[in-house]
Amino acid sequence: MFLSQNEIETLLEAVEVAPPGSPLRRAQDALQRALRRLDEVQNQRLELVQAVYQSAYDAISGLHYDPVPTPAIKEGIGTPETAIAVLADWQLGKITPTYNSSVTRERMDQYAAGLERIVQIQRTDHPVKHLRVFLLGDLVEGELIFPGQAHRIDASLFRQVMLDGPGILGTFLRRMLQTFDTVHVVGVIGNHGRIGGPFARESHPETNADAMMYECTRITLAGEKRLTWAPNLTAGERHWYAIDEVEGKRFFLFHGDQIRGGHAGYPFYGFGKALSAWRIKFGFDYSLSGHFHTSMNMDFPGGVHWGAGTLESDNTYALEELKAWGTPSQLLLFVHPKRGVSAQYTVRV
């Protein structure tokens, strides 16, 4: 039973005139002590929330960059094409016998150098002024995706999302601004960006650590006017797919965890069935995904699909349970305005 405001005020007035030491006065004293403790707890909680927000702000502010000057580009006179850098499955923060956060940074530097060399070769024939960057998810590793994961990472989710991830991705994007006139980023989320355990459902559909890392990087590089981003959020929904049009061709991006299977090898049948259905709905020419850590491409009715590789190496679980391993790599495509995808490169790192 709850008291009305008038009843509470009447009770407090009665307490004020109650003699010292009476049960009513003792109750008042106990209530005041409880209220003081509640105020202290609420103030501590408020200070904690403010500290978290301040830490996040300080982390992003510490990653500020000065704008990159527009590059002077020498190119051939052929038909201009657009390059696409495909970044997938960094698993940033993961530890294996040959992989950790420092190796992620080194391999992204190697990928950037390989991309620059290939672009220089392409430019001897035709202009390549613009770059798309497709982020296919699982760029972060997470903390609670599978049992015991906390013992297999070298960075907290905070560091992955707020510091190391934006540092590595931001460095790559700024390097690309030294090579291209414009850079446009399109991202989707992965299953390792999920907050919680394997079957966690309590998080909001929008909540995903990949999307958070992308958005932190975008905010950090807001001063780069030649760098643009597609939205990192689908309001009220999981940001599981994106569509980008490049040189008149539509590219469908998704992480790949939507396709079941993999224990018996790459699930070609599952991909073929899903892509045929999605193409009717979304109307795309090409599709790209990651998740299976396998660099490959396959035809499906009406288009071509690429599976992207990973930066990690020596995944002992995949080697033992899936009998799968591969050389670390990331994908690079070139798109012609009439022929569509004209060249594809698997850049080994």
Protein backbone atom coordinates (compact mmCIF):
# COMPACT_ATOMS: atom_id res chain seq x y z
CA MET A 1 0.00 0.00 0.00
CA PHE A 2 1.40 3.43 -1.03
CA LEU A 3 0.79 6.71 0.80
CA SER A 4 -0.42 9.81 -1.00
CA GLN A 5 1.59 13.03 -0.89
CA ASN A 6 -0.90 14.55 1.62
CA GLU A 7 -0.63 11.49 3.85
CA ILE A 8 3.19 11.68 3.78
CA GLU A 9 3.15 15.37 4.70
CA THR A 10 0.70 14.69 7.58
CA LEU A 11 2.95 11.89 8.83
CA LEU A 12 6.05 14.11 8.69
CA GLU A 13 4.25 16.88 10.62
CA ALA A 14 3.31 14.33 13.30
CA VAL A 15 6.93 13.18 13.49
CA GLU A 16 8.16 16.74 13.98
CA VAL A 17 6.08 17.13 17.16
CA ALA A 18 6.83 13.64 18.45
CA PRO A 19 8.93 13.64 21.69
CA PRO A 20 12.60 12.61 21.46
CA GLY A 21 13.15 8.89 21.97
CA SER A 22 9.61 7.97 20.93
CA PRO A 23 9.15 5.20 18.33
CA LEU A 24 7.89 7.77 15.82
CA ARG A 25 10.94 10.01 16.30
CA ARG A 26 13.28 6.99 16.02
CA ALA A 27 11.57 6.05 12.77
CA GLN A 28 12.13 9.58 11.48
CA ASP A 29 15.82 9.45 12.37
CA ALA A 30 16.19 6.08 10.64
CA LEU A 31 14.42 7.40 7.54
CA GLN A 32 16.69 10.45 7.36
CA ARG A 33 19.78 8.26 7.66
CA ALA A 34 18.47 6.01 4.87
CA LEU A 35 17.75 9.03 2.67
CA ARG A 36 21.26 10.38 3.25
CA ARG A 37 22.77 7.00 2.24
CA LEU A 38 20.55 6.90 -0.84
CA ASP A 39 21.75 10.37 -1.85
CA GLU A 40 25.36 9.24 -1.45
CA VAL A 41 24.78 6.15 -3.62
CA GLN A 42 22.99 8.18 -6.29
CA ASN A 43 25.78 10.75 -6.32
CA GLN A 44 28.39 7.99 -6.67
CA ARG A 45 26.41 6.45 -9.52
CA LEU A 46 26.12 9.80 -11.24
CA GLU A 47 29.86 10.38 -10.84
CA LEU A 48 30.54 6.91 -12.31
CA VAL A 49 28.35 7.58 -15.35
CA GLN A 50 30.02 10.96 -15.86
CA ALA A 51 33.45 9.33 -15.58
CA VAL A 52 32.54 6.74 -18.25
CA TYR A 53 31.32 9.42 -20.64
CA GLN A 54 34.39 11.56 -19.97
CA SER A 55 36.69 8.58 -20.60
CA ALA A 56 34.98 7.88 -23.91
CA TYR A 57 35.21 11.52 -24.93
CA ASP A 58 38.88 11.69 -23.94
CA ALA A 59 39.62 8.53 -25.90
CA ILE A 60 38.09 9.88 -29.09
CA SER A 61 39.61 13.33 -28.60
CA GLY A 62 43.04 11.73 -28.26
CA LEU A 63 42.73 10.27 -31.76
CA HIS A 64 42.28 13.60 -33.56
CA TYR A 65 44.04 13.99 -36.91
CA ASP A 66 44.84 16.98 -39.09
CA PRO A 67 43.27 16.85 -42.59
CA VAL A 68 45.32 15.11 -45.30
CA PRO A 69 46.17 17.32 -48.31
CA THR A 70 44.78 16.29 -51.69
CA PRO A 71 47.36 14.16 -53.57
CA ALA A 72 48.84 14.99 -56.96
CA ILE A 73 48.07 11.94 -59.11
CA LYS A 74 49.71 10.94 -62.43
CA GLU A 75 47.55 8.58 -64.47
CA GLY A 76 47.01 7.05 -67.90
CA ILE A 77 44.35 8.23 -70.34
CA GLY A 78 42.11 5.13 -70.38
CA THR A 79 38.62 4.85 -68.96
CA PRO A 80 38.60 5.80 -65.24
CA GLU A 81 37.85 3.05 -62.74
CA THR A 82 37.03 2.97 -59.02
CA ALA A 83 38.95 0.83 -56.51
CA ILE A 84 37.30 -1.09 -53.66
CA ALA A 85 39.26 -2.06 -50.53
CA VAL A 86 37.47 -4.92 -48.73
CA LEU A 87 38.30 -5.16 -45.01
CA ALA A 88 36.97 -8.17 -43.11
CA ASP A 89 37.55 -10.31 -40.04
CA TRP A 90 40.44 -8.54 -38.38
CA GLN A 91 39.38 -10.16 -35.09
CA LEU A 92 41.25 -7.27 -33.45
CA GLY A 93 42.36 -8.20 -29.95
CA LYS A 94 42.52 -11.94 -30.59
CA ILE A 95 45.59 -13.90 -29.53
CA THR A 96 46.92 -16.96 -31.40
CA PRO A 97 50.49 -18.29 -31.61
CA THR A 98 51.17 -15.82 -34.46
CA TYR A 99 48.55 -13.11 -34.01
CA ASN A 100 47.69 -10.22 -31.67
CA SER A 101 46.72 -6.54 -31.85
CA SER A 102 50.22 -5.44 -32.90
CA VAL A 103 50.18 -7.92 -35.78
CA THR A 104 46.80 -6.54 -36.89
CA ARG A 105 48.38 -3.11 -37.24
CA GLU A 106 51.42 -4.51 -39.10
CA ARG A 107 49.31 -6.50 -41.54
CA MET A 108 47.06 -3.55 -42.29
CA ASP A 109 50.19 -1.55 -43.11
CA GLN A 110 51.24 -4.37 -45.46
CA TYR A 111 47.81 -4.43 -47.07
CA ALA A 112 47.90 -0.65 -47.59
CA ALA A 113 51.35 -0.90 -49.20
CA GLY A 114 50.19 -3.72 -51.48
CA LEU A 115 47.09 -1.75 -52.47
CA GLU A 116 49.21 1.29 -53.32
CA ARG A 117 51.53 -0.75 -55.54
CA ILE A 118 48.62 -2.32 -57.42
CA VAL A 119 46.93 1.06 -57.88
CA GLN A 120 50.17 2.50 -59.30
CA ILE A 121 50.24 -0.32 -61.87
CA GLN A 122 46.58 0.26 -62.77
CA ARG A 123 47.19 3.99 -63.16
CA THR A 124 49.78 3.48 -65.90
CA ASP A 125 46.79 2.60 -68.09
CA HIS A 126 43.82 4.55 -66.70
CA PRO A 127 42.81 6.93 -63.88
CA VAL A 128 41.85 5.53 -60.48
CA LYS A 129 40.86 8.57 -58.47
CA HIS A 130 38.25 7.20 -56.09
CA LEU A 131 38.23 4.47 -53.44
CA ARG A 132 35.40 2.63 -51.74
CA VAL A 133 36.17 0.92 -48.42
CA PHE A 134 33.83 -1.94 -47.54
CA LEU A 135 33.88 -3.02 -43.87
CA LEU A 136 32.40 -6.53 -43.64
CA GLY A 137 32.30 -7.00 -39.87
CA ASP A 138 34.19 -8.87 -37.16
CA LEU A 139 36.85 -6.19 -37.26
CA VAL A 140 36.67 -6.47 -33.47
CA GLU A 141 36.98 -9.74 -31.54
CA GLY A 142 34.62 -9.05 -28.62
CA GLU A 143 34.90 -10.48 -25.11
CA LEU A 144 32.05 -12.94 -24.49
CA ILE A 145 31.30 -14.46 -27.89
CA PHE A 146 32.35 -17.97 -26.86
CA PRO A 147 33.32 -19.61 -23.54
CA GLY A 148 36.87 -18.82 -22.43
CA GLN A 149 37.29 -15.98 -24.92
CA ALA A 150 38.50 -13.64 -22.18
CA HIS A 151 41.69 -15.74 -22.01
CA ARG A 152 42.33 -15.37 -25.76
CA ILE A 153 42.36 -11.58 -26.16
CA ASP A 154 44.98 -8.93 -25.46
CA ALA A 155 42.62 -5.92 -25.42
CA SER A 156 39.32 -5.14 -23.72
CA LEU A 157 36.28 -4.35 -25.83
CA PHE A 158 36.77 -0.72 -24.77
CA ARG A 159 40.25 -0.67 -26.31
CA GLN A 160 39.08 -2.52 -29.43
CA VAL A 161 36.20 -0.10 -30.04
CA MET A 162 37.54 3.21 -28.75
CA LEU A 163 41.33 3.09 -29.17
CA ASP A 164 43.00 0.32 -31.19
CA GLY A 165 40.22 -0.10 -33.77
CA PRO A 166 39.83 3.60 -34.66
CA GLY A 167 43.62 3.98 -34.52
CA ILE A 168 44.25 1.23 -37.09
CA LEU A 169 41.25 1.98 -39.31
CA GLY A 170 41.81 5.73 -39.06
CA THR A 171 45.47 5.38 -40.03
CA PHE A 172 44.51 3.27 -43.04
CA LEU A 173 41.84 5.75 -44.20
CA ARG A 174 44.18 8.72 -43.85
CA ARG A 175 46.82 6.83 -45.83
CA MET A 176 44.23 6.21 -48.55
CA LEU A 177 43.47 9.94 -48.65
CA GLN A 178 47.11 10.41 -49.64
CA THR A 179 46.50 8.10 -52.62
CA PHE A 180 42.94 8.92 -53.79
CA ASP A 181 40.91 12.07 -54.39
CA THR A 182 37.96 10.71 -52.41
CA VAL A 183 37.34 7.81 -50.03
CA HIS A 184 33.85 6.52 -49.17
CA VAL A 185 33.24 3.96 -46.40
CA VAL A 186 30.36 1.48 -46.19
CA GLY A 187 30.14 -0.97 -43.28
CA VAL A 188 28.05 -3.85 -41.93
CA ILE A 189 28.20 -5.58 -38.56
CA GLY A 190 29.58 -9.01 -37.67
CA ASN A 191 28.63 -11.58 -35.08
CA HIS A 192 31.73 -10.82 -32.97
CA GLY A 193 30.38 -7.32 -32.48
CA ARG A 194 27.53 -8.79 -30.48
CA ILE A 195 27.36 -7.66 -26.86
CA GLY A 196 26.97 -10.69 -24.58
CA GLY A 197 27.24 -14.46 -24.92
CA PRO A 198 26.48 -16.70 -27.92
CA PHE A 199 22.72 -16.52 -27.41
CA ALA A 200 22.45 -13.02 -25.95
CA ARG A 201 19.20 -11.35 -26.88
CA GLU A 202 18.92 -8.64 -24.23
CA SER A 203 20.85 -5.99 -26.20
CA HIS A 204 19.07 -3.49 -28.42
CA PRO A 205 19.15 -4.52 -32.13
CA GLU A 206 21.22 -1.42 -32.91
CA THR A 207 23.90 -2.35 -30.37
CA ASN A 208 27.00 -3.83 -32.00
CA ALA A 209 30.69 -3.24 -31.28
CA ASP A 210 31.65 -3.21 -34.99
CA ALA A 211 29.20 -0.36 -35.63
CA MET A 212 30.50 1.45 -32.54
CA MET A 213 34.08 1.19 -33.77
CA TYR A 214 33.12 2.45 -37.23
CA GLU A 215 31.25 5.41 -35.72
CA CYS A 216 34.13 6.28 -33.38
CA THR A 217 36.46 6.35 -36.38
CA ARG A 218 34.03 8.48 -38.37
CA ILE A 219 33.76 11.01 -35.54
CA THR A 220 37.53 11.08 -35.10
CA LEU A 221 38.07 11.83 -38.81
CA ALA A 222 35.19 14.31 -39.14
CA GLY A 223 37.64 16.97 -40.30
CA GLU A 224 38.52 14.99 -43.45
CA LYS A 225 36.16 16.51 -46.03
CA ARG A 226 37.25 14.10 -48.77
CA LEU A 227 36.26 11.15 -46.57
CA THR A 228 32.55 10.24 -46.51
CA TRP A 229 30.60 7.51 -44.76
CA ALA A 230 27.38 5.62 -45.32
CA PRO A 231 25.28 5.40 -42.11
CA ASN A 232 26.67 3.02 -39.48
CA LEU A 233 23.19 2.55 -38.03
CA THR A 234 19.86 1.15 -39.16
CA ALA A 235 17.40 2.75 -36.73
CA GLY A 236 15.74 0.14 -34.54
CA GLU A 237 17.24 -2.79 -36.49
CA ARG A 238 20.42 -4.81 -36.89
CA HIS A 239 22.70 -3.15 -39.46
CA TRP A 240 23.37 -6.57 -41.06
CA TYR A 241 23.46 -5.55 -44.72
CA ALA A 242 24.25 -2.55 -46.91
CA ILE A 243 23.98 -1.76 -50.61
CA ASP A 244 26.42 0.52 -52.41
CA GLU A 245 26.37 1.57 -56.05
CA VAL A 246 29.78 1.82 -57.72
CA GLU A 247 30.13 2.80 -61.37
CA GLY A 248 26.49 1.91 -61.96
CA LYS A 249 26.76 -1.56 -60.36
CA ARG A 250 25.04 -2.50 -57.09
CA PHE A 251 27.11 -4.24 -54.41
CA PHE A 252 25.36 -6.15 -51.60
CA LEU A 253 27.41 -6.38 -48.38
CA PHE A 254 26.79 -8.69 -45.41
CA HIS A 255 29.02 -10.39 -42.86
CA GLY A 256 28.22 -14.05 -43.64
CA ASP A 257 27.07 -15.45 -40.30
CA GLN A 258 23.59 -15.48 -41.85
CA ILE A 259 24.67 -18.55 -43.86
CA ARG A 260 24.59 -21.71 -41.77
CA GLY A 261 27.16 -24.45 -42.16
CA GLY A 262 30.90 -24.43 -42.66
CA HIS A 263 31.85 -27.55 -40.72
CA ALA A 264 31.86 -29.54 -43.96
CA GLY A 265 33.69 -26.85 -45.91
CA TYR A 266 32.62 -23.57 -47.47
CA PRO A 267 28.78 -23.62 -47.61
CA PHE A 268 28.42 -22.97 -51.34
CA TYR A 269 24.85 -24.32 -51.45
CA GLY A 270 23.74 -22.06 -48.60
CA PHE A 271 25.29 -19.02 -50.27
CA GLY A 272 23.73 -19.82 -53.64
CA LYS A 273 20.26 -20.22 -52.15
CA ALA A 274 20.50 -17.06 -50.01
CA LEU A 275 21.97 -14.86 -52.73
CA SER A 276 19.36 -15.92 -55.27
CA ALA A 277 16.59 -14.98 -52.84
CA TRP A 278 18.20 -11.72 -51.71
CA ARG A 279 18.86 -10.66 -55.29
CA ILE A 280 15.13 -10.83 -56.02
CA LYS A 281 14.50 -8.60 -53.01
CA PHE A 282 17.38 -6.13 -53.28
CA GLY A 283 18.38 -6.24 -56.95
CA PHE A 284 22.20 -6.30 -56.88
CA ASP A 285 24.94 -7.25 -59.33
CA TYR A 286 27.67 -8.32 -56.90
CA SER A 287 27.89 -9.40 -53.27
CA LEU A 288 30.64 -9.64 -50.67
CA SER A 289 30.91 -11.29 -47.26
CA GLY A 290 33.46 -12.49 -44.70
CA HIS A 291 32.93 -14.69 -41.63
CA PHE A 292 34.40 -17.92 -43.08
CA HIS A 293 37.95 -16.49 -43.27
CA THR A 294 38.28 -17.85 -46.80
CA SER A 295 39.24 -15.84 -49.87
CA MET A 296 37.10 -17.09 -52.78
CA ASN A 297 34.64 -16.07 -55.47
CA MET A 298 31.67 -17.86 -56.99
CA ASP A 299 29.05 -17.20 -59.65
CA PHE A 300 25.39 -17.23 -58.70
CA PRO A 301 22.36 -16.60 -60.94
CA GLY A 302 22.76 -13.03 -62.18
CA GLY A 303 25.94 -12.08 -60.36
CA VAL A 304 29.25 -12.85 -58.65
CA HIS A 305 29.97 -13.29 -54.95
CA TRP A 306 33.30 -12.76 -53.19
CA GLY A 307 34.26 -14.22 -49.84
CA ALA A 308 36.89 -12.14 -48.07
CA GLY A 309 39.88 -13.44 -46.15
CA THR A 310 41.03 -12.57 -42.64
CA LEU A 311 44.06 -10.91 -41.06
CA GLU A 312 44.39 -13.53 -38.30
CA SER A 313 46.59 -16.63 -38.54
CA ASP A 314 46.98 -19.94 -36.70
CA ASN A 315 43.41 -20.11 -35.40
CA THR A 316 43.81 -23.29 -33.36
CA TYR A 317 40.04 -23.85 -33.07
CA ALA A 318 39.55 -23.69 -36.85
CA LEU A 319 42.53 -25.99 -37.39
CA GLU A 320 41.30 -28.60 -34.88
CA GLU A 321 37.54 -28.48 -35.39
CA LEU A 322 37.12 -27.30 -39.01
CA LYS A 323 40.44 -28.52 -40.46
CA ALA A 324 40.71 -25.08 -42.02
CA TRP A 325 43.51 -22.57 -42.27
CA GLY A 326 44.67 -19.95 -44.76
CA THR A 327 47.19 -17.23 -45.50
CA PRO A 328 46.16 -13.83 -44.05
CA SER A 329 44.77 -11.60 -46.79
CA GLN A 330 42.33 -8.84 -47.70
CA LEU A 331 40.54 -8.27 -51.00
CA LEU A 332 40.94 -5.49 -53.58
CA LEU A 333 38.63 -4.90 -56.57
CA PHE A 334 38.51 -2.48 -59.49
CA VAL A 335 35.24 -1.46 -61.16
CA HIS A 336 34.88 -0.32 -64.79
CA PRO A 337 31.84 1.83 -65.70
CA LYS A 338 30.82 -0.53 -68.53
CA ARG A 339 32.36 -3.93 -67.73
CA GLY A 340 31.71 -3.91 -63.99
CA VAL A 341 34.39 -5.57 -61.84
CA SER A 342 37.42 -5.63 -64.14
CA ALA A 343 40.08 -6.97 -61.78
CA GLN A 344 40.30 -8.72 -58.43
CA TYR A 345 43.32 -9.13 -56.17
CA THR A 346 43.87 -11.16 -53.05
CA VAL A 347 46.49 -9.13 -51.22
CA ARG A 348 48.52 -11.47 -48.99
CA VAL A 349 49.94 -10.00 -45.80
